[in-house]
Amino acid sequence: MHVLFYTKPGCPLCDEAEQMMELIQEDYPLTWATVNIEEDDAKHEQYVFMIPVVEKDDEVLCSGVISYIDLAMLFESEV
């Protein structure tokens, strides 16, 4: 599964979410493109209070405090 990962510099929740995404890669085929919301005015306005955000096909899959379980459930729901 390939997703977009919306973040911004200096965001501790974003750093933790990215660590969870790296961990989930050991068990599931997850890849992502990182998008800095500070470089896109529309995405900044949309996600400034939600980051980190994991999005696929314009649908927010999870946001805020993102755990390993949250990410694993994304794969379970695809089966």
PDB file of N, CA and C in Angstrom:
ATOM      1  N   MET A   1       0.852  -1.167   0.000  1.00  0.00           N
ATOM      2  CA  MET A   1       0.000   0.000   0.000  1.00  0.00           C
ATOM      3  C   MET A   1       0.899   1.231   0.000  1.00  0.00           C
ATOM      4  N   HIS A   2       0.604   2.160  -0.886  1.00  0.00           N
ATOM      5  CA  HIS A   2       1.338   3.419  -0.927  1.00  0.00           C
ATOM      6  C   HIS A   2       0.411   4.530  -0.443  1.00  0.00           C
ATOM      7  N   VAL A   3       0.905   5.342   0.485  1.00  0.00           N
ATOM      8  CA  VAL A   3       0.106   6.414   1.072  1.00  0.00           C
ATOM      9  C   VAL A   3       0.886   7.725   1.040  1.00  0.00           C
ATOM     10  N   LEU A   4       0.172   8.799   1.295  1.00  0.00           N
ATOM     11  CA  LEU A   4       0.800  10.097   1.514  1.00  0.00           C
ATOM     12  C   LEU A   4       0.849  10.334   3.012  1.00  0.00           C
ATOM     13  N   PHE A   5       1.952  10.857   3.474  1.00  0.00           N
ATOM     14  CA  PHE A   5       2.162  11.127   4.893  1.00  0.00           C
ATOM     15  C   PHE A   5       2.373  12.629   5.054  1.00  0.00           C
ATOM     16  N   TYR A   6       1.357  13.306   5.605  1.00  0.00           N
ATOM     17  CA  TYR A   6       1.414  14.751   5.796  1.00  0.00           C
ATOM     18  C   TYR A   6       2.005  15.051   7.159  1.00  0.00           C
ATOM     19  N   THR A   7       2.983  15.940   7.161  1.00  0.00           N
ATOM     20  CA  THR A   7       3.753  16.247   8.351  1.00  0.00           C
ATOM     21  C   THR A   7       4.255  17.675   8.274  1.00  0.00           C
ATOM     22  N   LYS A   8       4.997  18.093   9.273  1.00  0.00           N
ATOM     23  CA  LYS A   8       5.723  19.357   9.221  1.00  0.00           C
ATOM     24  C   LYS A   8       6.937  19.239  10.136  1.00  0.00           C
ATOM     25  N   PRO A   9       7.956  20.031   9.888  1.00  0.00           N
ATOM     26  CA  PRO A   9       9.154  19.977  10.726  1.00  0.00           C
ATOM     27  C   PRO A   9       8.841  20.319  12.174  1.00  0.00           C
ATOM     28  N   GLY A  10       9.531  19.635  13.081  1.00  0.00           N
ATOM     29  CA  GLY A  10       9.384  19.922  14.507  1.00  0.00           C
ATOM     30  C   GLY A  10       8.116  19.378  15.133  1.00  0.00           C
ATOM     31  N   CYS A  11       7.498  18.408  14.489  1.00  0.00           N
ATOM     32  CA  CYS A  11       6.249  17.825  14.993  1.00  0.00           C
ATOM     33  C   CYS A  11       6.555  16.476  15.662  1.00  0.00           C
ATOM     34  N   PRO A  12       6.535  16.411  17.004  1.00  0.00           N
ATOM     35  CA  PRO A  12       6.845  15.159  17.690  1.00  0.00           C
ATOM     36  C   PRO A  12       5.875  14.020  17.344  1.00  0.00           C
ATOM     37  N   LEU A  13       4.586  14.331  17.193  1.00  0.00           N
ATOM     38  CA  LEU A  13       3.631  13.282  16.817  1.00  0.00           C
ATOM     39  C   LEU A  13       3.954  12.724  15.436  1.00  0.00           C
ATOM     40  N   CYS A  14       4.408  13.595  14.555  1.00  0.00           N
ATOM     41  CA  CYS A  14       4.776  13.165  13.201  1.00  0.00           C
ATOM     42  C   CYS A  14       5.985  12.230  13.251  1.00  0.00           C
ATOM     43  N   ASP A  15       6.958  12.584  14.071  1.00  0.00           N
ATOM     44  CA  ASP A  15       8.148  11.736  14.210  1.00  0.00           C
ATOM     45  C   ASP A  15       7.766  10.356  14.740  1.00  0.00           C
ATOM     46  N   GLU A  16       6.879  10.326  15.733  1.00  0.00           N
ATOM     47  CA  GLU A  16       6.430   9.040  16.290  1.00  0.00           C
ATOM     48  C   GLU A  16       5.648   8.229  15.255  1.00  0.00           C
ATOM     49  N   ALA A  17       4.794   8.901  14.491  1.00  0.00           N
ATOM     50  CA  ALA A  17       4.010   8.204  13.466  1.00  0.00           C
ATOM     51  C   ALA A  17       4.926   7.614  12.406  1.00  0.00           C
ATOM     52  N   GLU A  18       5.947   8.355  12.018  1.00  0.00           N
ATOM     53  CA  GLU A  18       6.878   7.833  11.013  1.00  0.00           C
ATOM     54  C   GLU A  18       7.635   6.623  11.557  1.00  0.00           C
ATOM     55  N   GLN A  19       7.970   6.635  12.833  1.00  0.00           N
ATOM     56  CA  GLN A  19       8.611   5.457  13.435  1.00  0.00           C
ATOM     57  C   GLN A  19       7.675   4.249  13.386  1.00  0.00           C
ATOM     58  N   MET A  20       6.392   4.468  13.651  1.00  0.00           N
ATOM     59  CA  MET A  20       5.415   3.370  13.573  1.00  0.00           C
ATOM     60  C   MET A  20       5.293   2.859  12.142  1.00  0.00           C
ATOM     61  N   MET A  21       5.349   3.765  11.172  1.00  0.00           N
ATOM     62  CA  MET A  21       5.275   3.357   9.771  1.00  0.00           C
ATOM     63  C   MET A  21       6.498   2.523   9.384  1.00  0.00           C
ATOM     64  N   GLU A  22       7.656   2.908   9.900  1.00  0.00           N
ATOM     65  CA  GLU A  22       8.869   2.126   9.639  1.00  0.00           C
ATOM     66  C   GLU A  22       8.762   0.737  10.271  1.00  0.00           C
ATOM     67  N   LEU A  23       8.183   0.661  11.460  1.00  0.00           N
ATOM     68  CA  LEU A  23       7.989  -0.639  12.120  1.00  0.00           C
ATOM     69  C   LEU A  23       7.000  -1.514  11.351  1.00  0.00           C
ATOM     70  N   ILE A  24       5.925  -0.911  10.872  1.00  0.00           N
ATOM     71  CA  ILE A  24       4.894  -1.690  10.184  1.00  0.00           C
ATOM     72  C   ILE A  24       5.433  -2.276   8.882  1.00  0.00           C
ATOM     73  N   GLN A  25       6.439  -1.607   8.304  1.00  0.00           N
ATOM     74  CA  GLN A  25       7.047  -2.112   7.063  1.00  0.00           C
ATOM     75  C   GLN A  25       7.680  -3.486   7.253  1.00  0.00           C
ATOM     76  N   GLU A  26       8.015  -3.834   8.477  1.00  0.00           N
ATOM     77  CA  GLU A  26       8.596  -5.145   8.729  1.00  0.00           C
ATOM     78  C   GLU A  26       7.571  -6.259   8.537  1.00  0.00           C
ATOM     79  N   ASP A  27       6.278  -5.931   8.660  1.00  0.00           N
ATOM     80  CA  ASP A  27       5.218  -6.926   8.573  1.00  0.00           C
ATOM     81  C   ASP A  27       4.276  -6.731   7.388  1.00  0.00           C
ATOM     82  N   TYR A  28       4.210  -5.520   6.851  1.00  0.00           N
ATOM     83  CA  TYR A  28       3.273  -5.199   5.774  1.00  0.00           C
ATOM     84  C   TYR A  28       3.968  -4.375   4.697  1.00  0.00           C
ATOM     85  N   PRO A  29       3.487  -4.457   3.459  1.00  0.00           N
ATOM     86  CA  PRO A  29       4.111  -3.708   2.360  1.00  0.00           C
ATOM     87  C   PRO A  29       3.637  -2.250   2.312  1.00  0.00           C
ATOM     88  N   LEU A  30       4.147  -1.420   3.199  1.00  0.00           N
ATOM     89  CA  LEU A  30       3.764  -0.016   3.256  1.00  0.00           C
ATOM     90  C   LEU A  30       4.883   0.856   2.703  1.00  0.00           C
ATOM     91  N   THR A  31       4.515   1.746   1.802  1.00  0.00           N
ATOM     92  CA  THR A  31       5.432   2.782   1.335  1.00  0.00           C
ATOM     93  C   THR A  31       4.695   4.109   1.430  1.00  0.00           C
ATOM     94  N   TRP A  32       5.463   5.192   1.471  1.00  0.00           N
ATOM     95  CA  TRP A  32       4.818   6.489   1.569  1.00  0.00           C
ATOM     96  C   TRP A  32       5.669   7.584   0.959  1.00  0.00           C
ATOM     97  N   ALA A  33       4.987   8.653   0.612  1.00  0.00           N
ATOM     98  CA  ALA A  33       5.628   9.894   0.187  1.00  0.00           C
ATOM     99  C   ALA A  33       5.320  10.916   1.275  1.00  0.00           C
ATOM    100  N   THR A  34       6.345  11.596   1.743  1.00  0.00           N
ATOM    101  CA  THR A  34       6.181  12.584   2.798  1.00  0.00           C
ATOM    102  C   THR A  34       5.874  13.942   2.183  1.00  0.00           C
ATOM    103  N   VAL A  35       4.845  14.588   2.724  1.00  0.00           N
ATOM    104  CA  VAL A  35       4.447  15.914   2.251  1.00  0.00           C
ATOM    105  C   VAL A  35       4.505  16.878   3.430  1.00  0.00           C
ATOM    106  N   ASN A  36       5.330  17.900   3.297  1.00  0.00           N
ATOM    107  CA  ASN A  36       5.448  18.942   4.316  1.00  0.00           C
ATOM    108  C   ASN A  36       4.312  19.935   4.082  1.00  0.00           C
ATOM    109  N   ILE A  37       3.371  20.002   5.005  1.00  0.00           N
ATOM    110  CA  ILE A  37       2.207  20.875   4.811  1.00  0.00           C
ATOM    111  C   ILE A  37       2.584  22.355   4.790  1.00  0.00           C
ATOM    112  N   GLU A  38       3.761  22.692   5.301  1.00  0.00           N
ATOM    113  CA  GLU A  38       4.192  24.086   5.299  1.00  0.00           C
ATOM    114  C   GLU A  38       4.610  24.548   3.902  1.00  0.00           C
ATOM    115  N   GLU A  39       4.748  23.615   2.968  1.00  0.00           N
ATOM    116  CA  GLU A  39       5.123  23.952   1.602  1.00  0.00           C
ATOM    117  C   GLU A  39       3.925  23.969   0.663  1.00  0.00           C
ATOM    118  N   ASP A  40       2.733  23.726   1.189  1.00  0.00           N
ATOM    119  CA  ASP A  40       1.519  23.685   0.371  1.00  0.00           C
ATOM    120  C   ASP A  40       0.404  24.378   1.151  1.00  0.00           C
ATOM    121  N   ASP A  41       0.046  25.585   0.716  1.00  0.00           N
ATOM    122  CA  ASP A  41      -0.944  26.377   1.467  1.00  0.00           C
ATOM    123  C   ASP A  41      -2.270  25.654   1.639  1.00  0.00           C
ATOM    124  N   ALA A  42      -2.744  24.980   0.596  1.00  0.00           N
ATOM    125  CA  ALA A  42      -4.036  24.279   0.687  1.00  0.00           C
ATOM    126  C   ALA A  42      -3.966  23.139   1.698  1.00  0.00           C
ATOM    127  N   LYS A  43      -2.900  22.341   1.633  1.00  0.00           N
ATOM    128  CA  LYS A  43      -2.759  21.220   2.576  1.00  0.00           C
ATOM    129  C   LYS A  43      -2.510  21.737   3.990  1.00  0.00           C
ATOM    130  N   HIS A  44      -1.810  22.844   4.120  1.00  0.00           N
ATOM    131  CA  HIS A  44      -1.592  23.426   5.445  1.00  0.00           C
ATOM    132  C   HIS A  44      -2.931  23.805   6.066  1.00  0.00           C
ATOM    133  N   GLU A  45      -3.761  24.482   5.299  1.00  0.00           N
ATOM    134  CA  GLU A  45      -5.077  24.875   5.804  1.00  0.00           C
ATOM    135  C   GLU A  45      -5.933  23.655   6.134  1.00  0.00           C
ATOM    136  N   GLN A  46      -5.838  22.635   5.303  1.00  0.00           N
ATOM    137  CA  GLN A  46      -6.657  21.432   5.485  1.00  0.00           C
ATOM    138  C   GLN A  46      -6.221  20.605   6.695  1.00  0.00           C
ATOM    139  N   TYR A  47      -4.911  20.475   6.902  1.00  0.00           N
ATOM    140  CA  TYR A  47      -4.408  19.512   7.888  1.00  0.00           C
ATOM    141  C   TYR A  47      -3.675  20.111   9.089  1.00  0.00           C
ATOM    142  N   VAL A  48      -3.610  21.428   9.201  1.00  0.00           N
ATOM    143  CA  VAL A  48      -2.793  22.036  10.247  1.00  0.00           C
ATOM    144  C   VAL A  48      -3.129  21.537  11.654  1.00  0.00           C
ATOM    145  N   PHE A  49      -4.389  21.229  11.919  1.00  0.00           N
ATOM    146  CA  PHE A  49      -4.773  20.761  13.254  1.00  0.00           C
ATOM    147  C   PHE A  49      -4.913  19.243  13.329  1.00  0.00           C
ATOM    148  N   MET A  50      -4.575  18.539  12.247  1.00  0.00           N
ATOM    149  CA  MET A  50      -4.758  17.088  12.210  1.00  0.00           C
ATOM    150  C   MET A  50      -3.450  16.309  12.156  1.00  0.00           C
ATOM    151  N   ILE A  51      -2.347  16.962  11.792  1.00  0.00           N
ATOM    152  CA  ILE A  51      -1.128  16.206  11.520  1.00  0.00           C
ATOM    153  C   ILE A  51      -0.648  15.442  12.736  1.00  0.00           C
ATOM    154  N   PRO A  52       0.005  14.332  12.489  1.00  0.00           N
ATOM    155  CA  PRO A  52       0.280  13.722  11.197  1.00  0.00           C
ATOM    156  C   PRO A  52      -0.984  13.120  10.580  1.00  0.00           C
ATOM    157  N   VAL A  53      -0.969  13.021   9.253  1.00  0.00           N
ATOM    158  CA  VAL A  53      -2.098  12.463   8.527  1.00  0.00           C
ATOM    159  C   VAL A  53      -1.578  11.431   7.535  1.00  0.00           C
ATOM    160  N   VAL A  54      -2.211  10.273   7.516  1.00  0.00           N
ATOM    161  CA  VAL A  54      -1.943   9.246   6.509  1.00  0.00           C
ATOM    162  C   VAL A  54      -3.157   9.235   5.590  1.00  0.00           C
ATOM    163  N   GLU A  55      -2.893   9.439   4.299  1.00  0.00           N
ATOM    164  CA  GLU A  55      -3.975   9.577   3.326  1.00  0.00           C
ATOM    165  C   GLU A  55      -3.712   8.669   2.126  1.00  0.00           C
ATOM    166  N   LYS A  56      -4.783   8.102   1.604  1.00  0.00           N
ATOM    167  CA  LYS A  56      -4.688   7.296   0.383  1.00  0.00           C
ATOM    168  C   LYS A  56      -5.897   7.618  -0.480  1.00  0.00           C
ATOM    169  N   ASP A  57      -5.649   7.908  -1.743  1.00  0.00           N
ATOM    170  CA  ASP A  57      -6.730   8.215  -2.686  1.00  0.00           C
ATOM    171  C   ASP A  57      -7.655   9.303  -2.149  1.00  0.00           C
ATOM    172  N   ASP A  58      -7.063  10.375  -1.622  1.00  0.00           N
ATOM    173  CA  ASP A  58      -7.804  11.520  -1.075  1.00  0.00           C
ATOM    174  C   ASP A  58      -8.681  11.184   0.119  1.00  0.00           C
ATOM    175  N   GLU A  59      -8.426  10.078   0.773  1.00  0.00           N
ATOM    176  CA  GLU A  59      -9.171   9.686   1.970  1.00  0.00           C
ATOM    177  C   GLU A  59      -8.211   9.615   3.156  1.00  0.00           C
ATOM    178  N   VAL A  60      -8.550  10.302   4.235  1.00  0.00           N
ATOM    179  CA  VAL A  60      -7.737  10.249   5.453  1.00  0.00           C
ATOM    180  C   VAL A  60      -7.941   8.886   6.094  1.00  0.00           C
ATOM    181  N   LEU A  61      -6.861   8.131   6.223  1.00  0.00           N
ATOM    182  CA  LEU A  61      -6.934   6.802   6.836  1.00  0.00           C
ATOM    183  C   LEU A  61      -6.736   6.877   8.339  1.00  0.00           C
ATOM    184  N   CYS A  62      -5.848   7.758   8.796  1.00  0.00           N
ATOM    185  CA  CYS A  62      -5.654   7.985  10.221  1.00  0.00           C
ATOM    186  C   CYS A  62      -4.908   9.300  10.400  1.00  0.00           C
ATOM    187  N   SER A  63      -5.071   9.877  11.585  1.00  0.00           N
ATOM    188  CA  SER A  63      -4.414  11.152  11.873  1.00  0.00           C
ATOM    189  C   SER A  63      -4.220  11.295  13.377  1.00  0.00           C
ATOM    190  N   GLY A  64      -3.420  12.300  13.737  1.00  0.00           N
ATOM    191  CA  GLY A  64      -3.158  12.541  15.153  1.00  0.00           C
ATOM    192  C   GLY A  64      -2.193  11.522  15.726  1.00  0.00           C
ATOM    193  N   VAL A  65      -2.520  10.944  16.834  1.00  0.00           N
ATOM    194  CA  VAL A  65      -1.683   9.914  17.446  1.00  0.00           C
ATOM    195  C   VAL A  65      -1.908   8.622  16.651  1.00  0.00           C
ATOM    196  N   ILE A  66      -0.875   8.196  15.928  1.00  0.00           N
ATOM    197  CA  ILE A  66      -0.975   7.031  15.052  1.00  0.00           C
ATOM    198  C   ILE A  66      -0.139   5.903  15.641  1.00  0.00           C
ATOM    199  N   SER A  67      -0.787   4.791  15.943  1.00  0.00           N
ATOM    200  CA  SER A  67      -0.091   3.658  16.558  1.00  0.00           C
ATOM    201  C   SER A  67       0.154   2.550  15.532  1.00  0.00           C
ATOM    202  N   TYR A  68       0.945   1.598  15.933  1.00  0.00           N
ATOM    203  CA  TYR A  68       1.190   0.415  15.109  1.00  0.00           C
ATOM    204  C   TYR A  68      -0.138  -0.283  14.806  1.00  0.00           C
ATOM    205  N   ILE A  69      -0.988  -0.398  15.802  1.00  0.00           N
ATOM    206  CA  ILE A  69      -2.293  -1.054  15.641  1.00  0.00           C
ATOM    207  C   ILE A  69      -3.152  -0.318  14.617  1.00  0.00           C
ATOM    208  N   ASP A  70      -3.159   1.016  14.667  1.00  0.00           N
ATOM    209  CA  ASP A  70      -3.914   1.797  13.687  1.00  0.00           C
ATOM    210  C   ASP A  70      -3.468   1.454  12.271  1.00  0.00           C
ATOM    211  N   LEU A  71      -2.166   1.387  12.075  1.00  0.00           N
ATOM    212  CA  LEU A  71      -1.635   1.089  10.748  1.00  0.00           C
ATOM    213  C   LEU A  71      -1.914  -0.357  10.342  1.00  0.00           C
ATOM    214  N   ALA A  72      -1.766  -1.285  11.262  1.00  0.00           N
ATOM    215  CA  ALA A  72      -2.036  -2.692  10.958  1.00  0.00           C
ATOM    216  C   ALA A  72      -3.501  -2.895  10.564  1.00  0.00           C
ATOM    217  N   MET A  73      -4.391  -2.166  11.208  1.00  0.00           N
ATOM    218  CA  MET A  73      -5.817  -2.292  10.897  1.00  0.00           C
ATOM    219  C   MET A  73      -6.114  -1.842   9.462  1.00  0.00           C
ATOM    220  N   LEU A  74      -5.320  -0.942   8.917  1.00  0.00           N
ATOM    221  CA  LEU A  74      -5.497  -0.515   7.532  1.00  0.00           C
ATOM    222  C   LEU A  74      -5.302  -1.699   6.592  1.00  0.00           C
ATOM    223  N   PHE A  75      -4.330  -2.527   6.891  1.00  0.00           N
ATOM    224  CA  PHE A  75      -4.067  -3.696   6.046  1.00  0.00           C
ATOM    225  C   PHE A  75      -5.104  -4.772   6.257  1.00  0.00           C
ATOM    226  N   GLU A  76      -5.554  -4.933   7.475  1.00  0.00           N
ATOM    227  CA  GLU A  76      -6.578  -5.936   7.774  1.00  0.00           C
ATOM    228  C   GLU A  76      -7.888  -5.587   7.064  1.00  0.00           C
ATOM    229  N   SER A  77      -8.193  -4.280   6.961  1.00  0.00           N
ATOM    230  CA  SER A  77      -9.446  -3.873   6.332  1.00  0.00           C
ATOM    231  C   SER A  77      -9.389  -4.031   4.823  1.00  0.00           C
ATOM    232  N   GLU A  78      -8.197  -4.175   4.244  1.00  0.00           N
ATOM    233  CA  GLU A  78      -8.071  -4.369   2.794  1.00  0.00           C
ATOM    234  C   GLU A  78      -8.304  -5.815   2.380  1.00  0.00           C
ATOM    235  N   VAL A  79      -8.248  -6.733   3.308  1.00  0.00           N
ATOM    236  CA  VAL A  79      -8.362  -8.158   2.973  1.00  0.00           C
ATOM    237  C   VAL A  79      -9.807  -8.507   2.659  1.00  0.00           C
TER     238      VAL A  79
END
